[in-house]
Each structure stands twice: as C-alpha cells, then as structure tokens.
C-alpha cells in the first residue's frame, strides 16, 4: 500500500484513539485531500491533471521535500552545489508524485485508526493502524519535524520499511557504483516515463 494512499486514508473511516497536535496536523492535510478526491466535479477524466495538481499542493503543505531529499542523499548531500540540491529536490518530489499520487484514488474500504503520537523535542511520530478489506493489519508511522511553529512529514514507514531508507539505499548504490550525475539521469528518465 503506498504512503500517499495511507496518508489519504487517514481521514476515511478513521477512529482516533489519541487526539493530539501531530495527529491534528496529519488530519488537516488529509481533509484537504479528501475534499479534492470526493468532489464529483474533480472525478471527471478531464479534471485529472487539475486533481493531481491540487492533491500535490495539499501534500506540499505538510511534507518537507527538502528534508526528505537531504535524508535520502545522506552523506552525498553536503558535496552537492545549491543548483544540484534544488534540481534533486524537484526530481525526487516528482518521482514520489509519479510513484504514489496515482494510488491516492485507489481507496477500497480500508479502515484507518490513529493509534498514538509521540513528541521528542522537535521530532514526532504518528502511529496509524490500517485494517484492509481482508482484515490484515498494517502499521504505518509518520515521522515529523517541527519547523517554526508547524510540523512537517519527513519520512513514512510502512510495516517497518522506511521510505527514506529505501530510497537512500538505492541512491547510495547508484552514486557509489557510478556517479551523482548518473543518479540524476536515472531520476529524469523515471520521471519522464511516468508522464
């Protein structure tokens, strides 16, 4: 199940066990997404591009793409120029959009429960439990960072698999075996194929 689908489902049929600041932030964003995907006008085929744009804008308000990109490149981030960093952040965001946003509309009756939230200084976690239509339980953790007075998602773990760690391992392998430029070429190619 994709991270963005999980994010969207967090407001469908949800039962918050714990209501707190972080859960409220996640729910605020999912409410915006639900308003978009449940609008009959936006379900029309000719509205697909606009619908995706509006969903991306709603997600942009809660996800820290810069932090996600930085954590994904890890030790390879510091050696990049400002222009390379900016281009990588844009491509990484488009890759995630291509990979996950199309699945947002794939809701099929899953039940989502907000189970807990924890805050440790400027970092926090929201634990979500998803019950599939086959009664399988899926654990999801949103990792957030406080910037100023607001909280932003920088990683999502589904069944113990971190989105950031997964991409970090893939990208590190490409950079180590080849080059950063090769990674960028592959990202561009993947993004172009998804159009």
N, C-alpha and C. Protein backbone atom coordinates (compact mmCIF):
# COMPACT_ATOMS: atom_id res chain seq x y z
N UNK A 1 0.86 -1.17 0.00
CA UNK A 1 0.00 0.00 0.00
C UNK A 1 0.90 1.23 0.00
N UNK A 2 0.63 2.20 -0.84
CA UNK A 2 1.51 3.36 -0.96
C UNK A 2 1.35 4.32 0.21
N UNK A 3 2.41 5.10 0.42
CA UNK A 3 2.42 6.06 1.52
C UNK A 3 1.35 7.13 1.33
N UNK A 4 1.19 7.61 0.10
CA UNK A 4 0.19 8.66 -0.12
C UNK A 4 -1.22 8.12 0.03
N UNK A 5 -1.45 6.87 -0.38
CA UNK A 5 -2.76 6.28 -0.17
C UNK A 5 -3.03 6.17 1.32
N UNK A 6 -2.03 5.74 2.06
CA UNK A 6 -2.17 5.66 3.51
C UNK A 6 -2.47 7.03 4.07
N UNK A 7 -1.78 8.05 3.57
CA UNK A 7 -1.98 9.42 4.03
C UNK A 7 -3.42 9.85 3.78
N UNK A 8 -3.93 9.56 2.59
CA UNK A 8 -5.30 9.91 2.25
C UNK A 8 -6.29 9.17 3.14
N UNK A 9 -6.05 7.89 3.33
CA UNK A 9 -6.98 7.07 4.10
C UNK A 9 -7.05 7.46 5.56
N UNK A 10 -6.06 8.19 6.02
CA UNK A 10 -6.02 8.55 7.43
C UNK A 10 -7.24 9.33 7.87
N UNK A 11 -8.01 9.87 6.95
CA UNK A 11 -9.23 10.56 7.35
C UNK A 11 -10.49 9.79 6.98
N UNK A 12 -10.38 8.80 6.09
CA UNK A 12 -11.53 7.97 5.77
C UNK A 12 -11.74 6.99 6.90
N UNK A 13 -12.92 6.91 7.41
CA UNK A 13 -13.27 5.91 8.41
C UNK A 13 -12.23 5.81 9.52
N UNK A 14 -11.71 6.95 9.94
CA UNK A 14 -10.68 6.91 10.97
C UNK A 14 -11.29 6.98 12.35
N UNK A 15 -10.60 6.35 13.29
CA UNK A 15 -11.02 6.35 14.68
C UNK A 15 -9.83 6.77 15.53
N UNK A 16 -9.68 8.06 15.80
CA UNK A 16 -8.53 8.45 16.60
C UNK A 16 -8.65 7.95 18.03
N UNK A 17 -7.64 7.19 18.43
CA UNK A 17 -7.57 6.74 19.81
C UNK A 17 -6.91 7.84 20.63
N UNK A 18 -6.02 8.54 20.00
CA UNK A 18 -5.25 9.58 20.65
C UNK A 18 -5.39 10.83 19.80
N UNK A 19 -5.90 11.89 20.35
CA UNK A 19 -6.01 13.13 19.59
C UNK A 19 -4.97 14.10 20.13
N UNK A 20 -4.11 14.57 19.26
CA UNK A 20 -3.06 15.48 19.68
C UNK A 20 -2.62 16.35 18.54
N UNK A 21 -1.64 17.18 18.82
CA UNK A 21 -1.16 18.16 17.86
C UNK A 21 -0.71 17.53 16.54
N UNK A 22 0.08 16.48 16.60
CA UNK A 22 0.59 15.87 15.38
C UNK A 22 -0.51 15.20 14.57
N UNK A 23 -1.37 14.47 15.26
CA UNK A 23 -2.49 13.84 14.56
C UNK A 23 -3.36 14.90 13.90
N UNK A 24 -3.58 16.01 14.60
CA UNK A 24 -4.37 17.10 14.03
C UNK A 24 -3.74 17.62 12.75
N UNK A 25 -2.41 17.74 12.73
CA UNK A 25 -1.71 18.24 11.54
C UNK A 25 -1.87 17.28 10.36
N UNK A 26 -1.68 15.99 10.63
CA UNK A 26 -1.84 14.99 9.57
C UNK A 26 -3.28 14.99 9.07
N UNK A 27 -4.23 15.06 9.99
CA UNK A 27 -5.65 15.06 9.63
C UNK A 27 -6.03 16.30 8.83
N UNK A 28 -5.48 17.43 9.20
CA UNK A 28 -5.76 18.68 8.48
C UNK A 28 -5.44 18.53 6.99
N UNK A 29 -4.30 17.94 6.70
CA UNK A 29 -3.90 17.76 5.31
C UNK A 29 -4.77 16.73 4.62
N UNK A 30 -5.06 15.62 5.29
CA UNK A 30 -5.88 14.60 4.65
C UNK A 30 -7.30 15.10 4.39
N UNK A 31 -7.80 15.97 5.24
CA UNK A 31 -9.12 16.55 5.00
C UNK A 31 -9.14 17.34 3.69
N UNK A 32 -8.06 18.06 3.42
CA UNK A 32 -7.97 18.80 2.15
C UNK A 32 -7.96 17.85 0.97
N UNK A 33 -7.21 16.76 1.11
CA UNK A 33 -7.13 15.79 0.02
C UNK A 33 -8.48 15.13 -0.21
N UNK A 34 -9.16 14.79 0.87
CA UNK A 34 -10.48 14.16 0.75
C UNK A 34 -11.46 15.09 0.05
N UNK A 35 -11.40 16.37 0.37
CA UNK A 35 -12.29 17.33 -0.28
C UNK A 35 -12.06 17.33 -1.79
N UNK A 36 -10.82 17.14 -2.20
CA UNK A 36 -10.49 17.13 -3.63
C UNK A 36 -11.00 15.85 -4.28
N UNK A 37 -10.64 14.68 -3.73
CA UNK A 37 -10.97 13.42 -4.39
C UNK A 37 -12.44 13.03 -4.24
N UNK A 38 -13.14 13.62 -3.28
CA UNK A 38 -14.56 13.28 -3.14
C UNK A 38 -15.48 14.25 -3.87
N UNK A 39 -14.91 15.30 -4.44
CA UNK A 39 -15.69 16.26 -5.21
C UNK A 39 -16.07 15.63 -6.56
N UNK A 40 -17.37 15.43 -6.83
CA UNK A 40 -17.79 14.79 -8.08
C UNK A 40 -17.24 15.49 -9.33
N UNK A 41 -17.15 16.79 -9.28
CA UNK A 41 -16.63 17.54 -10.42
C UNK A 41 -15.17 17.17 -10.70
N UNK A 42 -14.40 16.95 -9.63
CA UNK A 42 -12.97 16.64 -9.78
C UNK A 42 -12.73 15.19 -10.20
N UNK A 43 -13.75 14.34 -10.16
CA UNK A 43 -13.60 12.94 -10.55
C UNK A 43 -13.65 12.75 -12.07
N UNK A 44 -14.06 13.77 -12.78
CA UNK A 44 -14.16 13.68 -14.24
C UNK A 44 -12.78 13.52 -14.86
N UNK A 45 -12.73 12.74 -15.94
CA UNK A 45 -11.45 12.45 -16.61
C UNK A 45 -10.72 13.72 -17.03
N UNK A 46 -11.47 14.69 -17.51
CA UNK A 46 -10.83 15.93 -17.98
C UNK A 46 -10.26 16.76 -16.84
N UNK A 47 -10.56 16.40 -15.62
CA UNK A 47 -10.05 17.11 -14.44
C UNK A 47 -8.84 16.41 -13.82
N UNK A 48 -8.35 15.33 -14.43
CA UNK A 48 -7.27 14.53 -13.84
C UNK A 48 -6.03 15.36 -13.53
N UNK A 49 -5.59 16.17 -14.47
CA UNK A 49 -4.37 16.97 -14.25
C UNK A 49 -4.59 17.98 -13.12
N UNK A 50 -5.74 18.63 -13.12
CA UNK A 50 -6.04 19.61 -12.07
C UNK A 50 -6.15 18.91 -10.71
N UNK A 51 -6.80 17.75 -10.69
CA UNK A 51 -6.96 16.99 -9.45
C UNK A 51 -5.58 16.63 -8.87
N UNK A 52 -4.68 16.13 -9.72
CA UNK A 52 -3.33 15.78 -9.26
C UNK A 52 -2.58 17.01 -8.76
N UNK A 53 -2.76 18.12 -9.45
CA UNK A 53 -2.08 19.35 -9.03
C UNK A 53 -2.58 19.79 -7.65
N UNK A 54 -3.88 19.74 -7.43
CA UNK A 54 -4.45 20.15 -6.14
C UNK A 54 -4.03 19.20 -5.02
N UNK A 55 -3.99 17.91 -5.31
CA UNK A 55 -3.53 16.94 -4.31
C UNK A 55 -2.07 17.21 -3.96
N UNK A 56 -1.26 17.44 -4.99
CA UNK A 56 0.17 17.72 -4.75
C UNK A 56 0.32 18.99 -3.90
N UNK A 57 -0.46 20.02 -4.18
CA UNK A 57 -0.39 21.25 -3.39
C UNK A 57 -0.75 20.99 -1.93
N UNK A 58 -1.77 20.18 -1.70
CA UNK A 58 -2.16 19.86 -0.32
C UNK A 58 -1.05 19.08 0.39
N UNK A 59 -0.45 18.13 -0.30
CA UNK A 59 0.64 17.36 0.29
C UNK A 59 1.86 18.24 0.52
N UNK A 60 2.13 19.15 -0.41
CA UNK A 60 3.27 20.07 -0.27
C UNK A 60 3.20 20.87 1.03
N UNK A 61 1.99 21.15 1.49
CA UNK A 61 1.82 21.93 2.71
C UNK A 61 2.26 21.16 3.96
N UNK A 62 2.31 19.83 3.89
CA UNK A 62 2.64 19.04 5.08
C UNK A 62 3.95 18.27 4.95
N UNK A 63 4.43 18.04 3.74
CA UNK A 63 5.67 17.30 3.54
C UNK A 63 6.83 18.25 3.34
N UNK A 64 7.95 17.95 3.99
CA UNK A 64 9.18 18.74 3.86
C UNK A 64 10.07 18.04 2.83
N UNK A 65 9.88 18.41 1.56
CA UNK A 65 10.62 17.77 0.46
C UNK A 65 12.12 17.99 0.60
N UNK A 66 12.54 19.16 1.06
CA UNK A 66 13.97 19.42 1.23
C UNK A 66 14.58 18.46 2.25
N UNK A 67 13.91 18.30 3.38
CA UNK A 67 14.41 17.40 4.43
C UNK A 67 14.42 15.95 3.94
N UNK A 68 13.37 15.57 3.22
CA UNK A 68 13.30 14.21 2.68
C UNK A 68 14.46 13.97 1.71
N UNK A 69 14.70 14.94 0.83
CA UNK A 69 15.78 14.80 -0.15
C UNK A 69 17.13 14.74 0.54
N UNK A 70 17.33 15.61 1.51
CA UNK A 70 18.60 15.64 2.26
C UNK A 70 18.85 14.30 2.95
N UNK A 71 17.84 13.77 3.61
CA UNK A 71 17.99 12.49 4.30
C UNK A 71 18.17 11.34 3.32
N UNK A 72 17.57 11.44 2.15
CA UNK A 72 17.70 10.40 1.15
C UNK A 72 19.12 10.34 0.58
N UNK A 73 19.70 11.50 0.32
CA UNK A 73 21.08 11.52 -0.19
C UNK A 73 22.11 11.30 0.91
N UNK A 74 21.74 11.60 2.16
CA UNK A 74 22.61 11.40 3.33
C UNK A 74 23.98 12.03 3.10
N UNK A 75 25.04 11.23 3.16
CA UNK A 75 26.41 11.76 3.07
C UNK A 75 26.72 12.40 1.72
N UNK A 76 25.92 12.12 0.72
CA UNK A 76 26.15 12.68 -0.61
C UNK A 76 25.55 14.08 -0.76
N UNK A 77 24.77 14.53 0.21
CA UNK A 77 24.09 15.82 0.15
C UNK A 77 25.08 16.98 0.26
N UNK A 78 25.97 16.92 1.23
CA UNK A 78 26.87 18.05 1.54
C UNK A 78 27.75 18.43 0.36
N UNK A 79 28.14 17.50 -0.46
CA UNK A 79 29.02 17.79 -1.58
C UNK A 79 28.33 18.33 -2.81
N UNK A 80 27.04 18.49 -2.75
CA UNK A 80 26.28 18.97 -3.91
C UNK A 80 26.23 20.50 -3.91
N UNK A 81 26.21 21.08 -5.09
CA UNK A 81 26.05 22.53 -5.20
C UNK A 81 24.60 22.89 -4.91
N UNK A 82 24.33 24.17 -4.68
CA UNK A 82 22.95 24.61 -4.43
C UNK A 82 22.06 24.26 -5.62
N UNK A 83 22.58 24.42 -6.83
CA UNK A 83 21.80 24.11 -8.03
C UNK A 83 21.49 22.62 -8.10
N UNK A 84 22.47 21.77 -7.78
CA UNK A 84 22.25 20.32 -7.78
C UNK A 84 21.22 19.93 -6.73
N UNK A 85 21.32 20.53 -5.56
CA UNK A 85 20.35 20.24 -4.49
C UNK A 85 18.94 20.61 -4.92
N UNK A 86 18.81 21.78 -5.50
CA UNK A 86 17.49 22.26 -5.94
C UNK A 86 16.91 21.32 -7.00
N UNK A 87 17.75 20.93 -7.96
CA UNK A 87 17.28 20.03 -9.02
C UNK A 87 16.91 18.66 -8.45
N UNK A 88 17.73 18.16 -7.51
CA UNK A 88 17.44 16.86 -6.90
C UNK A 88 16.12 16.90 -6.13
N UNK A 89 15.90 17.94 -5.35
CA UNK A 89 14.66 18.06 -4.58
C UNK A 89 13.46 18.03 -5.53
N UNK A 90 13.55 18.77 -6.64
CA UNK A 90 12.45 18.82 -7.61
C UNK A 90 12.21 17.44 -8.23
N UNK A 91 13.29 16.78 -8.66
CA UNK A 91 13.15 15.46 -9.28
C UNK A 91 12.65 14.41 -8.29
N UNK A 92 13.17 14.46 -7.07
CA UNK A 92 12.74 13.50 -6.05
C UNK A 92 11.25 13.68 -5.76
N UNK A 93 10.80 14.92 -5.65
CA UNK A 93 9.38 15.19 -5.43
C UNK A 93 8.53 14.67 -6.57
N UNK A 94 9.01 14.86 -7.81
CA UNK A 94 8.26 14.36 -8.98
C UNK A 94 8.24 12.84 -9.01
N UNK A 95 9.35 12.22 -8.60
CA UNK A 95 9.40 10.76 -8.55
C UNK A 95 8.36 10.23 -7.55
N UNK A 96 8.32 10.83 -6.37
CA UNK A 96 7.33 10.41 -5.37
C UNK A 96 5.91 10.66 -5.87
N UNK A 97 5.72 11.78 -6.54
CA UNK A 97 4.40 12.08 -7.09
C UNK A 97 4.01 11.01 -8.11
N UNK A 98 4.90 10.71 -9.03
CA UNK A 98 4.61 9.72 -10.06
C UNK A 98 4.35 8.35 -9.44
N UNK A 99 5.13 8.01 -8.43
CA UNK A 99 5.04 6.70 -7.81
C UNK A 99 3.79 6.55 -6.94
N UNK A 100 3.43 7.60 -6.21
CA UNK A 100 2.42 7.45 -5.16
C UNK A 100 1.10 8.18 -5.39
N UNK A 101 1.13 9.35 -6.00
CA UNK A 101 -0.12 10.13 -6.08
C UNK A 101 -1.19 9.44 -6.92
N UNK A 102 -0.77 8.68 -7.93
CA UNK A 102 -1.76 7.97 -8.74
C UNK A 102 -2.54 6.96 -7.90
N UNK A 103 -1.95 6.50 -6.81
CA UNK A 103 -2.59 5.49 -5.97
C UNK A 103 -3.57 6.10 -4.97
N UNK A 104 -3.56 7.41 -4.83
CA UNK A 104 -4.43 8.08 -3.87
C UNK A 104 -5.90 7.75 -4.14
N UNK A 105 -6.22 7.57 -5.40
CA UNK A 105 -7.61 7.30 -5.75
C UNK A 105 -7.96 5.82 -5.64
N UNK A 106 -7.05 5.01 -5.14
CA UNK A 106 -7.26 3.58 -5.05
C UNK A 106 -7.91 3.11 -3.76
N UNK A 107 -8.60 3.99 -3.07
CA UNK A 107 -9.26 3.62 -1.82
C UNK A 107 -10.24 2.48 -2.06
N UNK A 108 -10.16 1.43 -1.22
CA UNK A 108 -11.06 0.29 -1.42
C UNK A 108 -11.63 -0.26 -0.11
N UNK A 109 -11.96 0.62 0.81
CA UNK A 109 -12.64 0.20 2.02
C UNK A 109 -11.76 -0.04 3.23
N UNK A 110 -10.48 0.33 3.16
CA UNK A 110 -9.62 0.17 4.31
C UNK A 110 -10.09 1.06 5.46
N UNK A 111 -9.87 0.58 6.69
CA UNK A 111 -10.20 1.36 7.88
C UNK A 111 -8.90 1.83 8.50
N UNK A 112 -8.85 3.09 8.87
CA UNK A 112 -7.64 3.68 9.42
C UNK A 112 -7.90 4.15 10.84
N UNK A 113 -7.00 3.78 11.73
CA UNK A 113 -7.09 4.21 13.12
C UNK A 113 -5.82 4.97 13.49
N UNK A 114 -6.00 6.18 14.01
CA UNK A 114 -4.86 6.89 14.59
C UNK A 114 -4.64 6.27 15.96
N UNK A 115 -3.47 5.71 16.18
CA UNK A 115 -3.25 4.96 17.41
C UNK A 115 -2.48 5.72 18.47
N UNK A 116 -1.53 6.55 18.04
CA UNK A 116 -0.69 7.21 19.04
C UNK A 116 0.13 8.30 18.37
N UNK A 117 0.62 9.20 19.19
CA UNK A 117 1.61 10.16 18.73
C UNK A 117 2.61 10.37 19.85
N UNK A 118 3.83 10.62 19.47
CA UNK A 118 4.87 10.93 20.45
C UNK A 118 5.64 12.15 19.96
N UNK A 119 6.08 12.96 20.90
CA UNK A 119 6.88 14.14 20.58
C UNK A 119 8.12 14.09 21.45
N UNK A 120 9.27 14.27 20.80
CA UNK A 120 10.55 14.33 21.49
C UNK A 120 11.30 15.54 20.95
N UNK A 121 11.14 16.67 21.64
CA UNK A 121 11.77 17.91 21.17
C UNK A 121 11.15 18.37 19.87
N UNK A 122 11.98 18.52 18.84
CA UNK A 122 11.48 19.00 17.55
C UNK A 122 11.08 17.86 16.61
N UNK A 123 11.09 16.62 17.11
CA UNK A 123 10.71 15.47 16.30
C UNK A 123 9.49 14.78 16.88
N UNK A 124 8.68 14.20 16.01
CA UNK A 124 7.49 13.50 16.47
C UNK A 124 7.13 12.36 15.54
N UNK A 125 6.26 11.49 16.03
CA UNK A 125 5.81 10.33 15.27
C UNK A 125 4.31 10.16 15.47
N UNK A 126 3.61 9.86 14.39
CA UNK A 126 2.20 9.49 14.45
C UNK A 126 2.10 8.04 14.02
N UNK A 127 1.52 7.21 14.89
CA UNK A 127 1.32 5.80 14.57
C UNK A 127 -0.10 5.61 14.07
N UNK A 128 -0.22 4.96 12.92
CA UNK A 128 -1.50 4.71 12.29
C UNK A 128 -1.63 3.21 12.07
N UNK A 129 -2.81 2.68 12.31
CA UNK A 129 -3.09 1.28 12.01
C UNK A 129 -4.12 1.21 10.91
N UNK A 130 -3.84 0.43 9.90
CA UNK A 130 -4.76 0.27 8.77
C UNK A 130 -5.25 -1.16 8.74
N UNK A 131 -6.55 -1.31 8.66
CA UNK A 131 -7.16 -2.63 8.54
C UNK A 131 -7.69 -2.75 7.12
N UNK A 132 -7.13 -3.69 6.36
CA UNK A 132 -7.53 -3.85 4.97
C UNK A 132 -8.89 -4.54 4.89
N UNK A 133 -9.43 -4.59 3.70
CA UNK A 133 -10.72 -5.26 3.49
C UNK A 133 -10.60 -6.76 3.74
N UNK A 134 -9.37 -7.29 3.76
CA UNK A 134 -9.15 -8.71 4.08
C UNK A 134 -8.79 -8.89 5.56
N UNK A 135 -9.03 -7.87 6.38
CA UNK A 135 -8.75 -7.87 7.82
C UNK A 135 -7.27 -8.02 8.16
N UNK A 136 -6.40 -7.62 7.27
CA UNK A 136 -4.97 -7.61 7.56
C UNK A 136 -4.63 -6.27 8.19
N UNK A 137 -3.80 -6.30 9.23
CA UNK A 137 -3.40 -5.07 9.91
C UNK A 137 -2.05 -4.59 9.36
N UNK A 138 -1.97 -3.31 9.03
CA UNK A 138 -0.75 -2.70 8.51
C UNK A 138 -0.38 -1.54 9.42
N UNK A 139 0.87 -1.54 9.90
CA UNK A 139 1.36 -0.46 10.76
C UNK A 139 2.07 0.59 9.92
N UNK A 140 1.72 1.84 10.17
CA UNK A 140 2.32 2.96 9.46
C UNK A 140 2.75 4.01 10.48
N UNK A 141 3.96 4.53 10.29
CA UNK A 141 4.48 5.59 11.15
C UNK A 141 4.83 6.79 10.29
N UNK A 142 4.27 7.95 10.64
CA UNK A 142 4.66 9.22 10.02
C UNK A 142 5.69 9.86 10.93
N UNK A 143 6.82 10.22 10.40
CA UNK A 143 7.86 10.92 11.17
C UNK A 143 7.81 12.38 10.76
N UNK A 144 7.71 13.25 11.77
CA UNK A 144 7.57 14.68 11.52
C UNK A 144 8.66 15.45 12.24
N UNK A 145 8.94 16.63 11.71
CA UNK A 145 9.92 17.54 12.30
C UNK A 145 9.25 18.90 12.45
N UNK A 146 9.48 19.54 13.60
CA UNK A 146 8.91 20.86 13.84
C UNK A 146 9.83 21.92 13.26
N UNK A 147 9.25 22.76 12.43
CA UNK A 147 9.97 23.88 11.84
C UNK A 147 9.16 25.12 12.17
N UNK A 148 9.73 26.01 12.94
CA UNK A 148 8.97 27.16 13.43
C UNK A 148 7.89 26.66 14.36
N UNK A 149 6.64 26.97 14.03
CA UNK A 149 5.53 26.54 14.88
C UNK A 149 4.71 25.42 14.25
N UNK A 150 5.20 24.85 13.14
CA UNK A 150 4.42 23.83 12.44
C UNK A 150 5.22 22.53 12.32
N UNK A 151 4.52 21.46 11.99
CA UNK A 151 5.11 20.12 11.87
C UNK A 151 5.03 19.66 10.42
N UNK A 152 6.12 19.02 9.95
CA UNK A 152 6.20 18.56 8.57
C UNK A 152 6.69 17.12 8.51
N UNK A 153 6.07 16.33 7.62
CA UNK A 153 6.46 14.93 7.44
C UNK A 153 7.78 14.88 6.68
N UNK A 154 8.71 14.07 7.21
CA UNK A 154 9.97 13.86 6.51
C UNK A 154 10.23 12.38 6.22
N UNK A 155 9.39 11.48 6.72
CA UNK A 155 9.53 10.07 6.40
C UNK A 155 8.24 9.34 6.75
N UNK A 156 8.00 8.24 6.06
CA UNK A 156 6.87 7.37 6.32
C UNK A 156 7.41 5.95 6.33
N UNK A 157 7.06 5.19 7.37
CA UNK A 157 7.45 3.78 7.44
C UNK A 157 6.20 2.93 7.39
N UNK A 158 6.18 1.97 6.49
CA UNK A 158 5.06 1.05 6.35
C UNK A 158 5.57 -0.35 6.64
N UNK A 159 4.99 -0.97 7.67
CA UNK A 159 5.41 -2.31 8.09
C UNK A 159 6.92 -2.37 8.31
N UNK A 160 7.45 -1.31 8.92
CA UNK A 160 8.86 -1.28 9.28
C UNK A 160 9.80 -0.87 8.16
N UNK A 161 9.28 -0.58 6.98
CA UNK A 161 10.12 -0.18 5.85
C UNK A 161 10.00 1.33 5.67
N UNK A 162 11.11 2.01 5.89
CA UNK A 162 11.16 3.46 5.77
C UNK A 162 11.29 3.87 4.31
N UNK A 163 10.43 4.78 3.89
CA UNK A 163 10.50 5.33 2.54
C UNK A 163 11.87 5.95 2.29
N UNK A 164 12.36 6.74 3.24
CA UNK A 164 13.64 7.42 3.09
C UNK A 164 14.79 6.42 3.06
N UNK A 165 14.81 5.47 3.98
CA UNK A 165 15.89 4.48 3.99
C UNK A 165 15.91 3.66 2.70
N UNK A 166 14.74 3.33 2.20
CA UNK A 166 14.64 2.56 0.96
C UNK A 166 15.29 3.33 -0.20
N UNK A 167 14.89 4.59 -0.37
CA UNK A 167 15.49 5.39 -1.44
C UNK A 167 16.96 5.67 -1.16
N UNK A 168 17.34 5.90 0.10
CA UNK A 168 18.74 6.16 0.44
C UNK A 168 19.63 5.00 -0.01
N UNK A 169 19.20 3.79 0.28
CA UNK A 169 19.98 2.62 -0.12
C UNK A 169 20.12 2.51 -1.63
N UNK A 170 19.02 2.74 -2.34
CA UNK A 170 19.06 2.68 -3.80
C UNK A 170 19.98 3.77 -4.37
N UNK A 171 19.79 5.00 -3.89
CA UNK A 171 20.56 6.13 -4.42
C UNK A 171 22.04 6.02 -4.06
N UNK A 172 22.35 5.58 -2.85
CA UNK A 172 23.74 5.42 -2.44
C UNK A 172 24.44 4.40 -3.33
N UNK A 173 23.75 3.32 -3.64
CA UNK A 173 24.32 2.29 -4.50
C UNK A 173 24.64 2.85 -5.89
N UNK A 174 23.73 3.62 -6.45
CA UNK A 174 23.95 4.20 -7.77
C UNK A 174 25.12 5.18 -7.74
N UNK A 175 25.14 6.07 -6.76
CA UNK A 175 26.20 7.08 -6.67
C UNK A 175 27.55 6.41 -6.44
N UNK A 176 27.60 5.42 -5.56
CA UNK A 176 28.86 4.74 -5.23
C UNK A 176 29.39 3.95 -6.42
N UNK A 177 28.51 3.27 -7.13
CA UNK A 177 28.94 2.45 -8.27
C UNK A 177 29.16 3.27 -9.53
N UNK A 178 28.51 4.44 -9.61
CA UNK A 178 28.61 5.25 -10.81
C UNK A 178 28.92 6.69 -10.44
N UNK A 179 27.85 7.52 -10.37
CA UNK A 179 28.06 8.94 -10.03
C UNK A 179 26.73 9.59 -9.68
N UNK A 180 26.83 10.78 -9.10
CA UNK A 180 25.63 11.56 -8.81
C UNK A 180 24.93 11.91 -10.12
N UNK A 181 25.70 12.24 -11.15
CA UNK A 181 25.11 12.58 -12.45
C UNK A 181 24.31 11.42 -13.01
N UNK A 182 24.81 10.19 -12.83
CA UNK A 182 24.09 9.02 -13.29
C UNK A 182 22.76 8.88 -12.55
N UNK A 183 22.78 9.13 -11.25
CA UNK A 183 21.53 9.11 -10.47
C UNK A 183 20.55 10.13 -11.03
N UNK A 184 21.03 11.34 -11.29
CA UNK A 184 20.15 12.39 -11.81
C UNK A 184 19.57 12.00 -13.17
N UNK A 185 20.38 11.40 -14.02
CA UNK A 185 19.89 10.95 -15.34
C UNK A 185 18.81 9.89 -15.17
N UNK A 186 19.02 8.97 -14.24
CA UNK A 186 18.01 7.93 -14.00
C UNK A 186 16.72 8.52 -13.45
N UNK A 187 16.85 9.48 -12.53
CA UNK A 187 15.65 10.12 -11.98
C UNK A 187 14.88 10.84 -13.08
N UNK A 188 15.60 11.59 -13.92
CA UNK A 188 14.95 12.30 -15.03
C UNK A 188 14.23 11.32 -15.94
N UNK A 189 14.88 10.21 -16.25
CA UNK A 189 14.28 9.19 -17.11
C UNK A 189 13.03 8.60 -16.47
N UNK A 190 13.10 8.27 -15.18
CA UNK A 190 11.93 7.72 -14.48
C UNK A 190 10.78 8.70 -14.44
N UNK A 191 11.08 9.96 -14.20
CA UNK A 191 10.04 10.98 -14.16
C UNK A 191 9.41 11.16 -15.53
N UNK A 192 10.24 11.17 -16.58
CA UNK A 192 9.73 11.33 -17.95
C UNK A 192 8.85 10.15 -18.36
N UNK A 193 9.26 8.93 -17.98
CA UNK A 193 8.47 7.73 -18.31
C UNK A 193 7.09 7.78 -17.68
N UNK A 194 6.98 8.43 -16.55
CA UNK A 194 5.71 8.49 -15.83
C UNK A 194 4.74 9.51 -16.36
N UNK A 195 5.17 10.33 -17.30
CA UNK A 195 4.27 11.38 -17.81
C UNK A 195 3.24 10.82 -18.74
